[in-house]
Amino acid sequence: MYKLLLITFLTVCCLNSSSAHYPTNAVAKIQNSYSYAYIRVEGKFLSKKLKVKVDLGDSDEQIADGEKLSEILTNKKSYAAVLNYMSKIGFELVNTFDLTDNYNGSGGTSGIIYVMKKAEEN
């Protein structure tokens, strides 16, 4: 009987300590909504500078903000500079895709697409 009580007590203690405990503010953090940015970065013809197109969404405000960011980021010389600028304004990298071109059987990467997200203030 003593062994059974000891095993039951140890099992309850182990299960209780291994269960997940979230602080009260972590629940609010889990339920954040995000806005996404689709950023197309390509090299300019016969130049080391980059051409950047930022797509933030369909609303008039998002289109205007995207064009403004496109102007700021165009003519940067480094893909990392584009990522650094976007991270400074609160965006986080989600995924990347490479743009490939095929011409007469030879292919290559012509640019990169960044998908980034930013937590929205509620």
N, C-alpha and C. Protein backbone atom coordinates (compact mmCIF):
# COMPACT_ATOMS: atom_id res chain seq x y z
N MET A 1 0.82 -1.19 0.00
CA MET A 1 0.00 0.00 0.00
C MET A 1 0.87 1.27 0.00
N TYR A 2 1.94 1.23 0.80
CA TYR A 2 2.84 2.37 0.88
C TYR A 2 3.50 2.64 -0.48
N LYS A 3 3.91 1.57 -1.19
CA LYS A 3 4.54 1.73 -2.50
C LYS A 3 3.56 2.32 -3.51
N LEU A 4 2.31 1.89 -3.46
CA LEU A 4 1.29 2.40 -4.37
C LEU A 4 1.06 3.89 -4.14
N LEU A 5 0.98 4.32 -2.91
CA LEU A 5 0.81 5.75 -2.61
C LEU A 5 2.02 6.56 -3.06
N LEU A 6 3.22 5.99 -2.86
CA LEU A 6 4.43 6.68 -3.28
C LEU A 6 4.47 6.84 -4.79
N ILE A 7 4.14 5.80 -5.55
CA ILE A 7 4.12 5.87 -7.00
C ILE A 7 3.08 6.86 -7.48
N THR A 8 1.90 6.86 -6.89
CA THR A 8 0.84 7.80 -7.26
C THR A 8 1.28 9.24 -6.99
N PHE A 9 1.88 9.47 -5.83
CA PHE A 9 2.34 10.81 -5.48
C PHE A 9 3.41 11.31 -6.45
N LEU A 10 4.38 10.46 -6.77
CA LEU A 10 5.44 10.85 -7.71
C LEU A 10 4.90 11.11 -9.11
N THR A 11 3.94 10.31 -9.54
CA THR A 11 3.34 10.49 -10.86
C THR A 11 2.61 11.82 -10.93
N VAL A 12 1.84 12.15 -9.92
CA VAL A 12 1.11 13.42 -9.90
C VAL A 12 2.08 14.60 -9.89
N CYS A 13 3.15 14.50 -9.14
CA CYS A 13 4.14 15.59 -9.09
C CYS A 13 4.83 15.77 -10.44
N CYS A 14 5.18 14.67 -11.08
CA CYS A 14 5.86 14.76 -12.39
C CYS A 14 4.93 15.32 -13.46
N LEU A 15 3.68 14.90 -13.48
CA LEU A 15 2.74 15.40 -14.48
C LEU A 15 2.43 16.87 -14.26
N ASN A 16 2.32 17.28 -13.03
CA ASN A 16 2.01 18.68 -12.74
C ASN A 16 3.16 19.59 -13.14
N SER A 17 4.40 19.18 -12.89
CA SER A 17 5.54 20.04 -13.22
C SER A 17 5.83 20.07 -14.71
N SER A 18 5.41 19.04 -15.46
CA SER A 18 5.70 19.02 -16.89
C SER A 18 4.62 19.67 -17.74
N SER A 19 3.50 20.04 -17.14
CA SER A 19 2.44 20.69 -17.92
C SER A 19 2.84 22.12 -18.26
N ALA A 20 2.35 22.62 -19.38
CA ALA A 20 2.73 23.95 -19.86
C ALA A 20 1.99 25.02 -19.08
N HIS A 21 2.74 26.00 -18.63
CA HIS A 21 2.18 27.15 -17.93
C HIS A 21 2.54 28.40 -18.71
N TYR A 22 1.54 29.16 -19.10
CA TYR A 22 1.77 30.40 -19.84
C TYR A 22 1.49 31.58 -18.92
N PRO A 23 2.34 32.57 -18.94
CA PRO A 23 2.01 33.79 -18.20
C PRO A 23 0.77 34.46 -18.81
N THR A 24 0.12 35.30 -18.06
CA THR A 24 -1.14 35.89 -18.52
C THR A 24 -0.95 36.75 -19.76
N ASN A 25 0.18 37.44 -19.91
CA ASN A 25 0.37 38.28 -21.09
C ASN A 25 0.78 37.45 -22.32
N ALA A 26 1.19 36.19 -22.14
CA ALA A 26 1.57 35.35 -23.28
C ALA A 26 0.36 34.97 -24.11
N VAL A 27 -0.81 34.87 -23.49
CA VAL A 27 -2.03 34.53 -24.22
C VAL A 27 -2.36 35.66 -25.20
N ALA A 28 -2.22 36.88 -24.77
CA ALA A 28 -2.47 38.02 -25.66
C ALA A 28 -1.44 38.05 -26.78
N LYS A 29 -0.20 37.67 -26.47
CA LYS A 29 0.85 37.67 -27.48
C LYS A 29 0.59 36.61 -28.55
N ILE A 30 0.03 35.48 -28.18
CA ILE A 30 -0.26 34.42 -29.12
C ILE A 30 -1.34 34.86 -30.11
N GLN A 31 -2.27 35.71 -29.68
CA GLN A 31 -3.41 36.08 -30.50
C GLN A 31 -3.16 37.34 -31.33
N ASN A 32 -1.91 37.73 -31.53
CA ASN A 32 -1.61 38.90 -32.36
C ASN A 32 -2.04 38.66 -33.80
N SER A 33 -2.42 39.74 -34.46
CA SER A 33 -2.67 39.66 -35.90
C SER A 33 -1.48 40.30 -36.62
N TYR A 34 -1.26 39.88 -37.83
CA TYR A 34 -0.08 40.32 -38.57
C TYR A 34 -0.48 40.94 -39.90
N SER A 35 0.33 41.89 -40.35
CA SER A 35 0.22 42.38 -41.71
C SER A 35 1.46 41.88 -42.45
N TYR A 36 1.28 41.54 -43.70
CA TYR A 36 2.35 40.92 -44.48
C TYR A 36 2.82 41.85 -45.59
N ALA A 37 4.08 41.69 -45.94
CA ALA A 37 4.68 42.45 -47.04
C ALA A 37 5.30 41.46 -48.01
N TYR A 38 5.05 41.70 -49.30
CA TYR A 38 5.60 40.91 -50.39
C TYR A 38 6.60 41.82 -51.09
N ILE A 39 7.89 41.50 -50.99
CA ILE A 39 8.94 42.39 -51.49
C ILE A 39 9.70 41.68 -52.60
N ARG A 40 9.66 42.27 -53.78
CA ARG A 40 10.36 41.71 -54.96
C ARG A 40 11.62 42.53 -55.19
N VAL A 41 12.77 41.86 -55.14
CA VAL A 41 14.06 42.54 -55.30
C VAL A 41 14.77 41.96 -56.51
N GLU A 42 15.10 42.83 -57.47
CA GLU A 42 15.79 42.41 -58.70
C GLU A 42 16.95 43.35 -58.96
N GLY A 43 17.95 42.85 -59.66
CA GLY A 43 19.07 43.69 -60.06
C GLY A 43 18.70 44.53 -61.27
N LYS A 44 19.24 45.75 -61.32
CA LYS A 44 19.03 46.61 -62.50
C LYS A 44 20.01 46.21 -63.59
N PHE A 45 19.60 46.42 -64.84
CA PHE A 45 20.42 46.06 -65.99
C PHE A 45 21.69 46.91 -66.01
N LEU A 46 22.84 46.26 -66.10
CA LEU A 46 24.16 46.90 -66.15
C LEU A 46 24.41 47.83 -64.96
N SER A 47 23.96 47.42 -63.78
CA SER A 47 24.15 48.22 -62.58
C SER A 47 24.27 47.28 -61.39
N LYS A 48 24.91 47.76 -60.33
CA LYS A 48 25.00 47.00 -59.09
C LYS A 48 23.85 47.34 -58.14
N LYS A 49 23.04 48.30 -58.51
CA LYS A 49 21.93 48.72 -57.66
C LYS A 49 20.73 47.80 -57.85
N LEU A 50 19.84 47.80 -56.88
CA LEU A 50 18.68 46.91 -56.89
C LEU A 50 17.40 47.68 -57.17
N LYS A 51 16.46 46.99 -57.81
CA LYS A 51 15.13 47.52 -58.04
C LYS A 51 14.19 46.77 -57.09
N VAL A 52 13.46 47.52 -56.26
CA VAL A 52 12.63 46.90 -55.22
C VAL A 52 11.18 47.33 -55.41
N LYS A 53 10.28 46.37 -55.33
CA LYS A 53 8.83 46.60 -55.40
C LYS A 53 8.20 46.01 -54.14
N VAL A 54 7.56 46.85 -53.33
CA VAL A 54 6.95 46.42 -52.08
C VAL A 54 5.44 46.41 -52.24
N ASP A 55 4.81 45.30 -51.90
CA ASP A 55 3.36 45.14 -51.93
C ASP A 55 2.88 44.88 -50.51
N LEU A 56 2.12 45.84 -49.97
CA LEU A 56 1.59 45.70 -48.61
C LEU A 56 0.12 45.33 -48.57
N GLY A 57 -0.59 45.46 -49.69
CA GLY A 57 -2.01 45.12 -49.71
C GLY A 57 -2.77 45.90 -50.76
N ASP A 58 -4.13 45.84 -50.64
CA ASP A 58 -5.02 46.42 -51.65
C ASP A 58 -5.60 47.79 -51.31
N SER A 59 -5.61 48.17 -50.05
CA SER A 59 -6.23 49.46 -49.70
C SER A 59 -5.36 50.61 -50.21
N ASP A 60 -5.97 51.78 -50.33
CA ASP A 60 -5.25 52.95 -50.84
C ASP A 60 -4.06 53.30 -49.95
N GLU A 61 -4.25 53.21 -48.64
CA GLU A 61 -3.17 53.52 -47.70
C GLU A 61 -2.02 52.51 -47.84
N GLN A 62 -2.35 51.24 -47.99
CA GLN A 62 -1.32 50.21 -48.15
C GLN A 62 -0.56 50.38 -49.46
N ILE A 63 -1.26 50.74 -50.52
CA ILE A 63 -0.60 50.97 -51.82
C ILE A 63 0.35 52.15 -51.73
N ALA A 64 -0.10 53.24 -51.09
CA ALA A 64 0.76 54.42 -50.94
C ALA A 64 1.99 54.11 -50.09
N ASP A 65 1.79 53.39 -48.99
CA ASP A 65 2.92 53.02 -48.14
C ASP A 65 3.89 52.10 -48.87
N GLY A 66 3.36 51.18 -49.68
CA GLY A 66 4.20 50.28 -50.46
C GLY A 66 5.04 51.02 -51.48
N GLU A 67 4.43 51.99 -52.16
CA GLU A 67 5.18 52.79 -53.14
C GLU A 67 6.26 53.63 -52.46
N LYS A 68 5.95 54.15 -51.28
CA LYS A 68 6.93 54.94 -50.54
C LYS A 68 8.12 54.07 -50.13
N LEU A 69 7.84 52.86 -49.63
CA LEU A 69 8.91 51.94 -49.27
C LEU A 69 9.71 51.51 -50.51
N SER A 70 9.02 51.32 -51.63
CA SER A 70 9.71 50.94 -52.87
C SER A 70 10.71 52.02 -53.28
N GLU A 71 10.33 53.28 -53.15
CA GLU A 71 11.23 54.38 -53.50
C GLU A 71 12.43 54.43 -52.57
N ILE A 72 12.18 54.19 -51.26
CA ILE A 72 13.27 54.23 -50.29
C ILE A 72 14.27 53.10 -50.54
N LEU A 73 13.75 51.90 -50.85
CA LEU A 73 14.61 50.72 -50.96
C LEU A 73 15.25 50.55 -52.33
N THR A 74 14.67 51.14 -53.37
CA THR A 74 15.27 51.05 -54.70
C THR A 74 16.61 51.78 -54.70
N ASN A 75 17.56 51.24 -55.43
CA ASN A 75 18.94 51.73 -55.54
C ASN A 75 19.82 51.34 -54.36
N LYS A 76 19.33 50.50 -53.46
CA LYS A 76 20.22 49.91 -52.46
C LYS A 76 21.16 48.97 -53.21
N LYS A 77 22.33 48.73 -52.66
CA LYS A 77 23.31 47.89 -53.34
C LYS A 77 23.39 46.48 -52.77
N SER A 78 22.61 46.18 -51.73
CA SER A 78 22.74 44.89 -51.07
C SER A 78 21.35 44.36 -50.70
N TYR A 79 21.19 43.05 -50.88
CA TYR A 79 19.95 42.40 -50.46
C TYR A 79 19.80 42.49 -48.94
N ALA A 80 20.90 42.42 -48.24
CA ALA A 80 20.88 42.52 -46.78
C ALA A 80 20.44 43.91 -46.32
N ALA A 81 20.78 44.93 -47.09
CA ALA A 81 20.36 46.29 -46.74
C ALA A 81 18.84 46.41 -46.77
N VAL A 82 18.21 45.73 -47.72
CA VAL A 82 16.75 45.74 -47.80
C VAL A 82 16.16 45.06 -46.57
N LEU A 83 16.70 43.90 -46.20
CA LEU A 83 16.22 43.18 -45.02
C LEU A 83 16.46 43.98 -43.75
N ASN A 84 17.64 44.60 -43.64
CA ASN A 84 17.95 45.40 -42.44
C ASN A 84 16.99 46.56 -42.28
N TYR A 85 16.69 47.25 -43.38
CA TYR A 85 15.76 48.38 -43.29
C TYR A 85 14.37 47.92 -42.86
N MET A 86 13.91 46.83 -43.45
CA MET A 86 12.57 46.33 -43.11
C MET A 86 12.51 45.84 -41.67
N SER A 87 13.58 45.26 -41.17
CA SER A 87 13.57 44.81 -39.78
C SER A 87 13.60 46.00 -38.82
N LYS A 88 14.23 47.10 -39.23
CA LYS A 88 14.25 48.30 -38.38
C LYS A 88 12.85 48.89 -38.21
N ILE A 89 11.99 48.72 -39.21
CA ILE A 89 10.64 49.27 -39.09
C ILE A 89 9.64 48.23 -38.59
N GLY A 90 10.16 47.08 -38.10
CA GLY A 90 9.31 46.13 -37.40
C GLY A 90 8.90 44.88 -38.14
N PHE A 91 9.41 44.67 -39.34
CA PHE A 91 9.05 43.47 -40.11
C PHE A 91 9.99 42.32 -39.78
N GLU A 92 9.45 41.12 -39.89
CA GLU A 92 10.20 39.89 -39.62
C GLU A 92 10.11 38.99 -40.86
N LEU A 93 11.23 38.42 -41.25
CA LEU A 93 11.28 37.57 -42.44
C LEU A 93 10.54 36.26 -42.19
N VAL A 94 9.63 35.91 -43.11
CA VAL A 94 8.87 34.67 -43.01
C VAL A 94 9.40 33.63 -43.99
N ASN A 95 9.61 34.06 -45.25
CA ASN A 95 10.03 33.12 -46.28
C ASN A 95 10.71 33.88 -47.42
N THR A 96 11.50 33.16 -48.20
CA THR A 96 12.13 33.74 -49.39
C THR A 96 11.91 32.81 -50.58
N PHE A 97 11.83 33.40 -51.75
CA PHE A 97 11.72 32.66 -53.01
C PHE A 97 12.71 33.29 -53.99
N ASP A 98 13.28 32.48 -54.84
CA ASP A 98 14.17 33.05 -55.85
C ASP A 98 13.44 33.14 -57.18
N LEU A 99 13.71 34.21 -57.90
CA LEU A 99 13.15 34.41 -59.24
C LEU A 99 14.13 33.83 -60.24
N THR A 100 13.67 32.90 -61.03
CA THR A 100 14.56 32.27 -62.01
C THR A 100 14.10 32.59 -63.42
N ASP A 101 15.06 32.75 -64.29
CA ASP A 101 14.80 33.00 -65.71
C ASP A 101 15.44 31.89 -66.53
N ASN A 102 14.74 31.48 -67.57
CA ASN A 102 15.30 30.52 -68.53
C ASN A 102 15.33 31.18 -69.90
N TYR A 103 16.50 31.13 -70.51
CA TYR A 103 16.64 31.69 -71.84
C TYR A 103 17.53 30.75 -72.64
N ASN A 104 17.00 30.13 -73.66
CA ASN A 104 17.72 29.18 -74.52
C ASN A 104 18.42 28.09 -73.72
N GLY A 105 17.72 27.58 -72.72
CA GLY A 105 18.26 26.46 -71.96
C GLY A 105 19.18 26.83 -70.82
N SER A 106 19.56 28.07 -70.71
CA SER A 106 20.40 28.47 -69.58
C SER A 106 19.53 29.28 -68.62
N GLY A 107 19.61 28.92 -67.38
CA GLY A 107 18.79 29.59 -66.39
C GLY A 107 19.64 30.21 -65.31
N GLY A 108 19.04 31.08 -64.57
CA GLY A 108 19.75 31.72 -63.48
C GLY A 108 18.78 32.47 -62.60
N THR A 109 19.27 32.89 -61.48
CA THR A 109 18.47 33.65 -60.54
C THR A 109 18.51 35.13 -60.91
N SER A 110 17.35 35.73 -61.08
CA SER A 110 17.31 37.14 -61.45
C SER A 110 16.91 38.02 -60.28
N GLY A 111 16.50 37.43 -59.18
CA GLY A 111 16.10 38.22 -58.03
C GLY A 111 15.57 37.35 -56.92
N ILE A 112 15.10 38.00 -55.87
CA ILE A 112 14.59 37.31 -54.69
C ILE A 112 13.28 37.96 -54.28
N ILE A 113 12.37 37.15 -53.77
CA ILE A 113 11.13 37.64 -53.18
C ILE A 113 11.18 37.36 -51.69
N TYR A 114 10.98 38.40 -50.90
CA TYR A 114 10.90 38.26 -49.45
C TYR A 114 9.44 38.35 -49.03
N VAL A 115 9.00 37.43 -48.18
CA VAL A 115 7.70 37.53 -47.54
C VAL A 115 7.99 37.85 -46.09
N MET A 116 7.47 39.00 -45.63
CA MET A 116 7.75 39.45 -44.27
C MET A 116 6.44 39.75 -43.55
N LYS A 117 6.49 39.70 -42.22
CA LYS A 117 5.30 40.01 -41.44
C LYS A 117 5.64 41.00 -40.34
N LYS A 118 4.60 41.72 -39.92
CA LYS A 118 4.73 42.71 -38.86
C LYS A 118 3.51 42.61 -37.96
N ALA A 119 3.73 42.53 -36.66
CA ALA A 119 2.62 42.46 -35.73
C ALA A 119 1.89 43.78 -35.72
N GLU A 120 0.56 43.72 -35.81
CA GLU A 120 -0.25 44.93 -35.81
C GLU A 120 -0.63 45.29 -34.37
N GLU A 121 -0.66 46.58 -34.11
CA GLU A 121 -1.10 47.05 -32.80
C GLU A 121 -2.61 46.96 -32.73
N ASN A 122 -3.09 46.40 -31.63
CA ASN A 122 -4.56 46.27 -31.47
C ASN A 122 -5.15 47.45 -30.77
